[in-house]
Amino acid sequence: MQDFATALGFMAFFAFVWGAMYLRYRKRREEREMVHRERILAMEKGIPLPEIPVVEENGVAALAGLRRDIFPRIALGCGILLVCVGFGVVVALIISQNRDVREHWSMGFIPMMAGVGLLVYWALLRWTKI
């Protein structure tokens, strides 16, 4: 039953993240449609065309801004969290009273190394200034 609750928690988290990304995409699409309608109306009335926002004109420019601003913060936060979780798992398994559990202390290195990888990624993003 506990495995089901854990799986349900992960599914809820990913559904929340996916839903937030979908709503952001839908809002951006609606903004583009509104700019398109304004431009069509301006062309029909002979009014000078309004400027197209630079970020909305090219999807790659928007993604570059996202990589420059948000990805490093996410990588740093998740990296620190995973290193701490991995260290906590190693310590908890080493000090466990159960001998069978104590033999698997190295399992904590999996999240710890994933966190170190994210911290290296964060450092490379900051160093290269992408």
C-alpha atoms as a PDB file:
ATOM      1  CA  MET A   1       0.000   0.000   0.000  1.00  0.00           C
ATOM      2  CA  GLN A   2       2.894   2.348   0.746  1.00  0.00           C
ATOM      3  CA  ASP A   3       4.337   1.818  -2.752  1.00  0.00           C
ATOM      4  CA  PHE A   4       0.977   2.760  -4.250  1.00  0.00           C
ATOM      5  CA  ALA A   5       0.878   5.974  -2.213  1.00  0.00           C
ATOM      6  CA  THR A   6       4.417   6.856  -3.294  1.00  0.00           C
ATOM      7  CA  ALA A   7       3.597   6.199  -6.941  1.00  0.00           C
ATOM      8  CA  LEU A   8       0.430   8.246  -6.619  1.00  0.00           C
ATOM      9  CA  GLY A   9       2.438  11.115  -5.124  1.00  0.00           C
ATOM     10  CA  PHE A  10       4.916  11.066  -7.997  1.00  0.00           C
ATOM     11  CA  MET A  11       2.077  10.937 -10.520  1.00  0.00           C
ATOM     12  CA  ALA A  12       0.390  13.920  -8.866  1.00  0.00           C
ATOM     13  CA  PHE A  13       3.645  15.886  -8.901  1.00  0.00           C
ATOM     14  CA  PHE A  14       4.282  15.192 -12.585  1.00  0.00           C
ATOM     15  CA  ALA A  15       0.642  15.956 -13.437  1.00  0.00           C
ATOM     16  CA  PHE A  16       1.005  19.310 -11.668  1.00  0.00           C
ATOM     17  CA  VAL A  17       4.224  20.137 -13.540  1.00  0.00           C
ATOM     18  CA  TRP A  18       2.737  19.046 -16.866  1.00  0.00           C
ATOM     19  CA  GLY A  19      -0.426  21.052 -16.211  1.00  0.00           C
ATOM     20  CA  ALA A  20       1.554  24.178 -15.378  1.00  0.00           C
ATOM     21  CA  MET A  21       3.605  23.820 -18.558  1.00  0.00           C
ATOM     22  CA  TYR A  22       0.431  23.296 -20.610  1.00  0.00           C
ATOM     23  CA  LEU A  23      -1.226  26.387 -19.154  1.00  0.00           C
ATOM     24  CA  ARG A  24       1.866  28.479 -19.892  1.00  0.00           C
ATOM     25  CA  TYR A  25       1.938  27.168 -23.482  1.00  0.00           C
ATOM     26  CA  ARG A  26      -1.772  27.884 -23.937  1.00  0.00           C
ATOM     27  CA  LYS A  27      -1.378  31.428 -22.601  1.00  0.00           C
ATOM     28  CA  ARG A  28       1.535  32.086 -24.989  1.00  0.00           C
ATOM     29  CA  ARG A  29      -0.499  30.713 -27.917  1.00  0.00           C
ATOM     30  CA  GLU A  30      -3.451  32.960 -27.025  1.00  0.00           C
ATOM     31  CA  GLU A  31      -1.139  35.983 -26.855  1.00  0.00           C
ATOM     32  CA  ARG A  32       0.231  35.166 -30.315  1.00  0.00           C
ATOM     33  CA  GLU A  33      -3.300  34.825 -31.680  1.00  0.00           C
ATOM     34  CA  MET A  34      -4.224  38.205 -30.208  1.00  0.00           C
ATOM     35  CA  VAL A  35      -1.170  39.847 -31.804  1.00  0.00           C
ATOM     36  CA  HIS A  36      -2.101  38.198 -35.103  1.00  0.00           C
ATOM     37  CA  ARG A  37      -5.694  39.507 -34.899  1.00  0.00           C
ATOM     38  CA  GLU A  38      -4.416  43.024 -34.113  1.00  0.00           C
ATOM     39  CA  ARG A  39      -2.110  42.928 -37.118  1.00  0.00           C
ATOM     40  CA  ILE A  40      -4.891  41.701 -39.432  1.00  0.00           C
ATOM     41  CA  LEU A  41      -7.243  44.469 -38.226  1.00  0.00           C
ATOM     42  CA  ALA A  42      -4.500  47.061 -38.660  1.00  0.00           C
ATOM     43  CA  MET A  43      -3.847  45.868 -42.223  1.00  0.00           C
ATOM     44  CA  GLU A  44      -7.587  45.998 -43.053  1.00  0.00           C
ATOM     45  CA  LYS A  45      -7.903  49.578 -41.745  1.00  0.00           C
ATOM     46  CA  GLY A  46      -4.612  50.765 -43.262  1.00  0.00           C
ATOM     47  CA  ILE A  47      -3.068  51.577 -39.870  1.00  0.00           C
ATOM     48  CA  PRO A  48       0.691  51.051 -39.439  1.00  0.00           C
ATOM     49  CA  LEU A  49       1.355  47.542 -38.145  1.00  0.00           C
ATOM     50  CA  PRO A  50       2.176  47.133 -34.455  1.00  0.00           C
ATOM     51  CA  GLU A  51       5.556  45.680 -33.592  1.00  0.00           C
ATOM     52  CA  ILE A  52       5.847  41.944 -32.975  1.00  0.00           C
ATOM     53  CA  PRO A  53       7.487  41.194 -29.627  1.00  0.00           C
ATOM     54  CA  VAL A  54      11.010  39.870 -30.188  1.00  0.00           C
ATOM     55  CA  VAL A  55      10.673  36.953 -27.789  1.00  0.00           C
ATOM     56  CA  GLU A  56       7.359  35.819 -29.269  1.00  0.00           C
ATOM     57  CA  GLU A  57       8.560  36.104 -32.854  1.00  0.00           C
ATOM     58  CA  ASN A  58      11.201  33.413 -32.427  1.00  0.00           C
ATOM     59  CA  GLY A  59      10.558  30.449 -30.097  1.00  0.00           C
ATOM     60  CA  VAL A  60      14.305  29.812 -29.821  1.00  0.00           C
ATOM     61  CA  ALA A  61      14.842  33.250 -28.274  1.00  0.00           C
ATOM     62  CA  ALA A  62      12.266  32.464 -25.594  1.00  0.00           C
ATOM     63  CA  LEU A  63      13.945  29.131 -24.859  1.00  0.00           C
ATOM     64  CA  ALA A  64      17.364  30.799 -24.628  1.00  0.00           C
ATOM     65  CA  GLY A  65      16.018  33.205 -22.012  1.00  0.00           C
ATOM     66  CA  LEU A  66      14.545  30.286 -20.097  1.00  0.00           C
ATOM     67  CA  ARG A  67      17.863  28.426 -20.180  1.00  0.00           C
ATOM     68  CA  ARG A  68      19.737  31.499 -19.031  1.00  0.00           C
ATOM     69  CA  ASP A  69      17.386  32.361 -16.160  1.00  0.00           C
ATOM     70  CA  ILE A  70      15.507  29.334 -14.831  1.00  0.00           C
ATOM     71  CA  PHE A  71      17.503  26.199 -15.682  1.00  0.00           C
ATOM     72  CA  PRO A  72      20.537  27.152 -13.570  1.00  0.00           C
ATOM     73  CA  ARG A  73      18.355  27.830 -10.532  1.00  0.00           C
ATOM     74  CA  ILE A  74      16.490  24.549 -10.950  1.00  0.00           C
ATOM     75  CA  ALA A  75      19.750  22.629 -11.413  1.00  0.00           C
ATOM     76  CA  LEU A  76      21.303  24.265  -8.347  1.00  0.00           C
ATOM     77  CA  GLY A  77      18.301  23.656  -6.113  1.00  0.00           C
ATOM     78  CA  CYS A  78      17.753  20.055  -7.200  1.00  0.00           C
ATOM     79  CA  GLY A  79      21.481  19.330  -7.045  1.00  0.00           C
ATOM     80  CA  ILE A  80      21.807  20.532  -3.475  1.00  0.00           C
ATOM     81  CA  LEU A  81      18.649  18.654  -2.495  1.00  0.00           C
ATOM     82  CA  LEU A  82      19.820  15.377  -4.057  1.00  0.00           C
ATOM     83  CA  VAL A  83      23.279  15.608  -2.486  1.00  0.00           C
ATOM     84  CA  CYS A  84      21.710  16.154   0.939  1.00  0.00           C
ATOM     85  CA  VAL A  85      19.178  13.337   0.427  1.00  0.00           C
ATOM     86  CA  GLY A  86      21.918  10.964  -0.705  1.00  0.00           C
ATOM     87  CA  PHE A  87      24.110  11.868   2.250  1.00  0.00           C
ATOM     88  CA  GLY A  88      21.167  11.376   4.596  1.00  0.00           C
ATOM     89  CA  VAL A  89      20.400   7.951   3.119  1.00  0.00           C
ATOM     90  CA  VAL A  90      24.040   6.869   3.490  1.00  0.00           C
ATOM     91  CA  VAL A  91      24.168   7.992   7.121  1.00  0.00           C
ATOM     92  CA  ALA A  92      20.772   6.470   7.950  1.00  0.00           C
ATOM     93  CA  LEU A  93      21.689   3.114   6.442  1.00  0.00           C
ATOM     94  CA  ILE A  94      25.100   3.025   8.115  1.00  0.00           C
ATOM     95  CA  ILE A  95      23.715   3.684  11.602  1.00  0.00           C
ATOM     96  CA  SER A  96      20.785   1.290  11.150  1.00  0.00           C
ATOM     97  CA  GLN A  97      20.415  -1.467  13.746  1.00  0.00           C
ATOM     98  CA  ASN A  98      19.332  -4.004  11.116  1.00  0.00           C
ATOM     99  CA  ARG A  99      22.348  -5.782   9.607  1.00  0.00           C
ATOM    100  CA  ASP A 100      20.593  -6.499   6.293  1.00  0.00           C
ATOM    101  CA  VAL A 101      19.781  -2.827   5.835  1.00  0.00           C
ATOM    102  CA  ARG A 102      23.282  -1.745   6.856  1.00  0.00           C
ATOM    103  CA  GLU A 103      24.792  -3.791   4.009  1.00  0.00           C
ATOM    104  CA  HIS A 104      23.070  -1.547   1.437  1.00  0.00           C
ATOM    105  CA  TRP A 105      24.532   1.750   2.637  1.00  0.00           C
ATOM    106  CA  SER A 106      26.011   2.465  -0.790  1.00  0.00           C
ATOM    107  CA  MET A 107      22.527   2.950  -2.277  1.00  0.00           C
ATOM    108  CA  GLY A 108      22.685   6.532  -1.014  1.00  0.00           C
ATOM    109  CA  PHE A 109      25.378   7.290  -3.551  1.00  0.00           C
ATOM    110  CA  ILE A 110      22.838   7.109  -6.401  1.00  0.00           C
ATOM    111  CA  PRO A 111      20.961  10.318  -5.494  1.00  0.00           C
ATOM    112  CA  MET A 112      24.178  11.871  -4.232  1.00  0.00           C
ATOM    113  CA  MET A 113      25.934  11.428  -7.583  1.00  0.00           C
ATOM    114  CA  ALA A 114      22.840  12.640  -9.448  1.00  0.00           C
ATOM    115  CA  GLY A 115      23.015  15.782  -7.304  1.00  0.00           C
ATOM    116  CA  VAL A 116      26.719  16.200  -8.008  1.00  0.00           C
ATOM    117  CA  GLY A 117      25.933  15.900 -11.727  1.00  0.00           C
ATOM    118  CA  LEU A 118      23.328  18.659 -11.455  1.00  0.00           C
ATOM    119  CA  LEU A 119      25.772  20.859  -9.566  1.00  0.00           C
ATOM    120  CA  VAL A 120      28.370  20.324 -12.310  1.00  0.00           C
ATOM    121  CA  TYR A 121      25.697  21.208 -14.894  1.00  0.00           C
ATOM    122  CA  TRP A 122      24.901  24.388 -12.930  1.00  0.00           C
ATOM    123  CA  ALA A 123      28.585  25.296 -12.784  1.00  0.00           C
ATOM    124  CA  LEU A 124      29.012  24.741 -16.520  1.00  0.00           C
ATOM    125  CA  LEU A 125      25.982  26.911 -17.308  1.00  0.00           C
ATOM    126  CA  ARG A 126      27.364  29.700 -15.140  1.00  0.00           C
ATOM    127  CA  TRP A 127      30.892  29.320 -16.498  1.00  0.00           C
ATOM    128  CA  THR A 128      29.924  29.334 -20.188  1.00  0.00           C
ATOM    129  CA  LYS A 129      27.236  32.050 -19.748  1.00  0.00           C
ATOM    130  CA  ILE A 130      24.910  30.432 -22.294  1.00  0.00           C
END
